[in-house]
Protein backbone atom coordinates (compact mmCIF):
# COMPACT_ATOMS: atom_id res chain seq x y z
CA UNK A 1 0.00 0.00 0.00
CA UNK A 2 2.95 2.33 0.15
CA UNK A 3 1.89 5.30 2.26
CA UNK A 4 -1.86 4.93 1.65
CA UNK A 5 -2.27 7.63 -1.01
CA UNK A 6 -4.46 5.45 -3.22
CA UNK A 7 -6.66 4.51 -0.27
CA UNK A 8 -7.16 8.20 0.54
CA UNK A 9 -8.00 8.93 -3.10
CA UNK A 10 -10.62 6.16 -2.97
CA UNK A 11 -12.07 7.65 0.21
CA UNK A 12 -12.30 11.05 -1.51
CA UNK A 13 -14.38 9.66 -4.37
CA UNK A 14 -16.42 7.28 -2.17
CA UNK A 15 -14.96 4.08 -3.59
CA UNK A 16 -14.33 0.86 -1.74
CA UNK A 17 -10.71 -0.25 -1.42
CA UNK A 18 -8.66 -3.11 -0.07
CA UNK A 19 -5.09 -2.64 1.04
CA UNK A 20 -2.36 -5.20 1.57
CA UNK A 21 0.90 -4.34 3.30
CA UNK A 22 3.58 -6.65 4.70
CA UNK A 23 5.42 -4.09 6.81
CA UNK A 24 3.67 -3.36 10.11
CA UNK A 25 5.31 0.06 10.41
CA UNK A 26 3.72 1.10 7.12
CA UNK A 27 0.33 -0.19 8.34
CA UNK A 28 0.54 2.20 11.28
CA UNK A 29 1.50 5.11 9.01
CA UNK A 30 -1.33 4.30 6.60
CA UNK A 31 -3.90 4.02 9.39
CA UNK A 32 -2.82 7.37 10.81
CA UNK A 33 -3.01 9.06 7.39
CA UNK A 34 -6.49 7.68 6.71
CA UNK A 35 -7.69 8.69 10.19
CA UNK A 36 -6.32 12.21 9.65
CA UNK A 37 -8.05 12.42 6.27
CA UNK A 38 -11.38 11.30 7.75
CA UNK A 39 -11.12 13.91 10.54
CA UNK A 40 -10.41 16.64 7.99
CA UNK A 41 -13.21 15.48 5.70
CA UNK A 42 -15.73 15.83 8.55
CA UNK A 43 -14.72 19.48 8.97
CA UNK A 44 -15.77 20.28 5.42
CA UNK A 45 -18.88 18.09 5.05
PDB file of N, CA and C in Angstrom:
ATOM      1  N   UNK A   1       0.808  -1.200   0.000  1.00  0.00           N
ATOM      2  CA  UNK A   1       0.000   0.000   0.000  1.00  0.00           C
ATOM      3  C   UNK A   1       0.846   1.256   0.000  1.00  0.00           C
ATOM      4  N   UNK A   2       2.123   1.116   0.125  1.00  0.00           N
ATOM      5  CA  UNK A   2       2.947   2.326   0.146  1.00  0.00           C
ATOM      6  C   UNK A   2       2.604   3.168   1.357  1.00  0.00           C
ATOM      7  N   UNK A   3       2.240   4.424   1.134  1.00  0.00           N
ATOM      8  CA  UNK A   3       1.888   5.302   2.257  1.00  0.00           C
ATOM      9  C   UNK A   3       0.387   5.548   2.349  1.00  0.00           C
ATOM     10  N   UNK A   4      -0.414   4.834   1.552  1.00  0.00           N
ATOM     11  CA  UNK A   4      -1.862   4.930   1.649  1.00  0.00           C
ATOM     12  C   UNK A   4      -2.505   5.972   0.753  1.00  0.00           C
ATOM     13  N   UNK A   5      -1.744   6.561  -0.154  1.00  0.00           N
ATOM     14  CA  UNK A   5      -2.275   7.626  -1.007  1.00  0.00           C
ATOM     15  C   UNK A   5      -3.456   7.150  -1.843  1.00  0.00           C
ATOM     16  N   UNK A   6      -3.369   5.958  -2.405  1.00  0.00           N
ATOM     17  CA  UNK A   6      -4.461   5.446  -3.220  1.00  0.00           C
ATOM     18  C   UNK A   6      -5.704   5.206  -2.376  1.00  0.00           C
ATOM     19  N   UNK A   7      -5.520   4.726  -1.160  1.00  0.00           N
ATOM     20  CA  UNK A   7      -6.662   4.515  -0.267  1.00  0.00           C
ATOM     21  C   UNK A   7      -7.357   5.843   0.039  1.00  0.00           C
ATOM     22  N   UNK A   8      -6.582   6.883   0.264  1.00  0.00           N
ATOM     23  CA  UNK A   8      -7.162   8.201   0.543  1.00  0.00           C
ATOM     24  C   UNK A   8      -7.895   8.714  -0.694  1.00  0.00           C
ATOM     25  N   UNK A   9      -7.322   8.519  -1.874  1.00  0.00           N
ATOM     26  CA  UNK A   9      -7.999   8.930  -3.102  1.00  0.00           C
ATOM     27  C   UNK A   9      -9.330   8.198  -3.247  1.00  0.00           C
ATOM     28  N   UNK A  10      -9.362   6.917  -2.919  1.00  0.00           N
ATOM     29  CA  UNK A  10     -10.616   6.156  -2.965  1.00  0.00           C
ATOM     30  C   UNK A  10     -11.625   6.708  -1.971  1.00  0.00           C
ATOM     31  N   UNK A  11     -11.176   7.050  -0.787  1.00  0.00           N
ATOM     32  CA  UNK A  11     -12.067   7.651   0.211  1.00  0.00           C
ATOM     33  C   UNK A  11     -12.664   8.954  -0.317  1.00  0.00           C
ATOM     34  N   UNK A  12     -11.841   9.755  -1.009  1.00  0.00           N
ATOM     35  CA  UNK A  12     -12.296  11.047  -1.513  1.00  0.00           C
ATOM     36  C   UNK A  12     -13.386  10.903  -2.555  1.00  0.00           C
ATOM     37  N   UNK A  13     -13.359   9.836  -3.331  1.00  0.00           N
ATOM     38  CA  UNK A  13     -14.379   9.663  -4.369  1.00  0.00           C
ATOM     39  C   UNK A  13     -15.391   8.571  -4.002  1.00  0.00           C
ATOM     40  N   UNK A  14     -15.436   8.241  -2.716  1.00  0.00           N
ATOM     41  CA  UNK A  14     -16.417   7.279  -2.171  1.00  0.00           C
ATOM     42  C   UNK A  14     -16.355   5.910  -2.843  1.00  0.00           C
ATOM     43  N   UNK A  15     -15.156   5.420  -3.035  1.00  0.00           N
ATOM     44  CA  UNK A  15     -14.959   4.079  -3.593  1.00  0.00           C
ATOM     45  C   UNK A  15     -14.481   3.142  -2.513  1.00  0.00           C
ATOM     46  N   UNK A  16     -14.841   1.880  -2.638  1.00  0.00           N
ATOM     47  CA  UNK A  16     -14.326   0.855  -1.736  1.00  0.00           C
ATOM     48  C   UNK A  16     -12.886   0.551  -2.118  1.00  0.00           C
ATOM     49  N   UNK A  17     -12.102   0.105  -1.143  1.00  0.00           N
ATOM     50  CA  UNK A  17     -10.715  -0.250  -1.420  1.00  0.00           C
ATOM     51  C   UNK A  17     -10.274  -1.331  -0.455  1.00  0.00           C
ATOM     52  N   UNK A  18      -9.282  -2.069  -0.890  1.00  0.00           N
ATOM     53  CA  UNK A  18      -8.656  -3.111  -0.066  1.00  0.00           C
ATOM     54  C   UNK A  18      -7.157  -2.865  -0.130  1.00  0.00           C
ATOM     55  N   UNK A  19      -6.522  -2.869   1.009  1.00  0.00           N
ATOM     56  CA  UNK A  19      -5.087  -2.643   1.039  1.00  0.00           C
ATOM     57  C   UNK A  19      -4.350  -3.827   1.632  1.00  0.00           C
ATOM     58  N   UNK A  20      -3.206  -4.121   1.064  1.00  0.00           N
ATOM     59  CA  UNK A  20      -2.360  -5.205   1.566  1.00  0.00           C
ATOM     60  C   UNK A  20      -0.955  -4.642   1.782  1.00  0.00           C
ATOM     61  N   UNK A  21      -0.434  -4.832   2.974  1.00  0.00           N
ATOM     62  CA  UNK A  21       0.899  -4.336   3.300  1.00  0.00           C
ATOM     63  C   UNK A  21       1.586  -5.360   4.196  1.00  0.00           C
ATOM     64  N   UNK A  22       2.823  -5.676   3.903  1.00  0.00           N
ATOM     65  CA  UNK A  22       3.575  -6.645   4.698  1.00  0.00           C
ATOM     66  C   UNK A  22       4.255  -6.013   5.902  1.00  0.00           C
ATOM     67  N   UNK A  23       4.659  -4.762   5.781  1.00  0.00           N
ATOM     68  CA  UNK A  23       5.425  -4.089   6.813  1.00  0.00           C
ATOM     69  C   UNK A  23       4.489  -3.436   7.843  1.00  0.00           C
ATOM     70  N   UNK A  24       4.571  -3.875   9.085  1.00  0.00           N
ATOM     71  CA  UNK A  24       3.669  -3.362  10.114  1.00  0.00           C
ATOM     72  C   UNK A  24       3.854  -1.862  10.364  1.00  0.00           C
ATOM     73  N   UNK A  25       5.084  -1.378  10.228  1.00  0.00           N
ATOM     74  CA  UNK A  25       5.311   0.060  10.410  1.00  0.00           C
ATOM     75  C   UNK A  25       4.511   0.871   9.393  1.00  0.00           C
ATOM     76  N   UNK A  26       4.494   0.409   8.154  1.00  0.00           N
ATOM     77  CA  UNK A  26       3.719   1.102   7.124  1.00  0.00           C
ATOM     78  C   UNK A  26       2.228   1.033   7.430  1.00  0.00           C
ATOM     79  N   UNK A  27       1.761  -0.077   7.975  1.00  0.00           N
ATOM     80  CA  UNK A  27       0.335  -0.190   8.342  1.00  0.00           C
ATOM     81  C   UNK A  27      -0.041   0.908   9.330  1.00  0.00           C
ATOM     82  N   UNK A  28       0.820   1.154  10.293  1.00  0.00           N
ATOM     83  CA  UNK A  28       0.535   2.198  11.280  1.00  0.00           C
ATOM     84  C   UNK A  28       0.520   3.579  10.631  1.00  0.00           C
ATOM     85  N   UNK A  29       1.450   3.828   9.715  1.00  0.00           N
ATOM     86  CA  UNK A  29       1.503   5.107   9.010  1.00  0.00           C
ATOM     87  C   UNK A  29       0.233   5.297   8.171  1.00  0.00           C
ATOM     88  N   UNK A  30      -0.139   4.244   7.452  1.00  0.00           N
ATOM     89  CA  UNK A  30      -1.329   4.304   6.600  1.00  0.00           C
ATOM     90  C   UNK A  30      -2.573   4.558   7.438  1.00  0.00           C
ATOM     91  N   UNK A  31      -2.738   3.829   8.525  1.00  0.00           N
ATOM     92  CA  UNK A  31      -3.903   4.016   9.390  1.00  0.00           C
ATOM     93  C   UNK A  31      -3.975   5.448   9.909  1.00  0.00           C
ATOM     94  N   UNK A  32      -2.837   5.997  10.302  1.00  0.00           N
ATOM     95  CA  UNK A  32      -2.816   7.372  10.808  1.00  0.00           C
ATOM     96  C   UNK A  32      -3.193   8.361   9.707  1.00  0.00           C
ATOM     97  N   UNK A  33      -2.680   8.157   8.492  1.00  0.00           N
ATOM     98  CA  UNK A  33      -3.007   9.062   7.387  1.00  0.00           C
ATOM     99  C   UNK A  33      -4.493   9.011   7.054  1.00  0.00           C
ATOM    100  N   UNK A  34      -5.068   7.813   7.034  1.00  0.00           N
ATOM    101  CA  UNK A  34      -6.487   7.679   6.714  1.00  0.00           C
ATOM    102  C   UNK A  34      -7.332   8.298   7.825  1.00  0.00           C
ATOM    103  N   UNK A  35      -6.966   8.074   9.074  1.00  0.00           N
ATOM    104  CA  UNK A  35      -7.688   8.685  10.194  1.00  0.00           C
ATOM    105  C   UNK A  35      -7.628  10.209  10.107  1.00  0.00           C
ATOM    106  N   UNK A  36      -6.459  10.760   9.803  1.00  0.00           N
ATOM    107  CA  UNK A  36      -6.317  12.207   9.652  1.00  0.00           C
ATOM    108  C   UNK A  36      -7.197  12.725   8.517  1.00  0.00           C
ATOM    109  N   UNK A  37      -7.214  12.003   7.396  1.00  0.00           N
ATOM    110  CA  UNK A  37      -8.051  12.422   6.272  1.00  0.00           C
ATOM    111  C   UNK A  37      -9.519  12.436   6.684  1.00  0.00           C
ATOM    112  N   UNK A  38      -9.963  11.387   7.367  1.00  0.00           N
ATOM    113  CA  UNK A  38     -11.385  11.297   7.750  1.00  0.00           C
ATOM    114  C   UNK A  38     -11.756  12.428   8.725  1.00  0.00           C
ATOM    115  N   UNK A  39     -10.858  12.799   9.622  1.00  0.00           N
ATOM    116  CA  UNK A  39     -11.116  13.907  10.542  1.00  0.00           C
ATOM    117  C   UNK A  39     -11.231  15.212   9.763  1.00  0.00           C
ATOM    118  N   UNK A  40     -10.360  15.432   8.798  1.00  0.00           N
ATOM    119  CA  UNK A  40     -10.406  16.642   7.985  1.00  0.00           C
ATOM    120  C   UNK A  40     -11.659  16.676   7.127  1.00  0.00           C
ATOM    121  N   UNK A  41     -12.036  15.540   6.567  1.00  0.00           N
ATOM    122  CA  UNK A  41     -13.214  15.475   5.702  1.00  0.00           C
ATOM    123  C   UNK A  41     -14.474  15.864   6.472  1.00  0.00           C
ATOM    124  N   UNK A  42     -14.551  15.490   7.742  1.00  0.00           N
ATOM    125  CA  UNK A  42     -15.731  15.828   8.554  1.00  0.00           C
ATOM    126  C   UNK A  42     -15.830  17.343   8.773  1.00  0.00           C
ATOM    127  N   UNK A  43     -14.703  18.033   8.777  1.00  0.00           N
ATOM    128  CA  UNK A  43     -14.720  19.476   8.966  1.00  0.00           C
ATOM    129  C   UNK A  43     -15.382  20.189   7.806  1.00  0.00           C
ATOM    130  N   UNK A  44     -15.278  19.615   6.611  1.00  0.00           N
ATOM    131  CA  UNK A  44     -15.773  20.281   5.418  1.00  0.00           C
ATOM    132  C   UNK A  44     -17.089  19.713   4.899  1.00  0.00           C
ATOM    133  N   UNK A  45     -17.604  18.677   5.507  1.00  0.00           N
ATOM    134  CA  UNK A  45     -18.884  18.087   5.054  1.00  0.00           C
ATOM    135  C   UNK A  45     -19.996  18.438   5.979  1.00  0.00           C
TER     136      UNK A  45
END
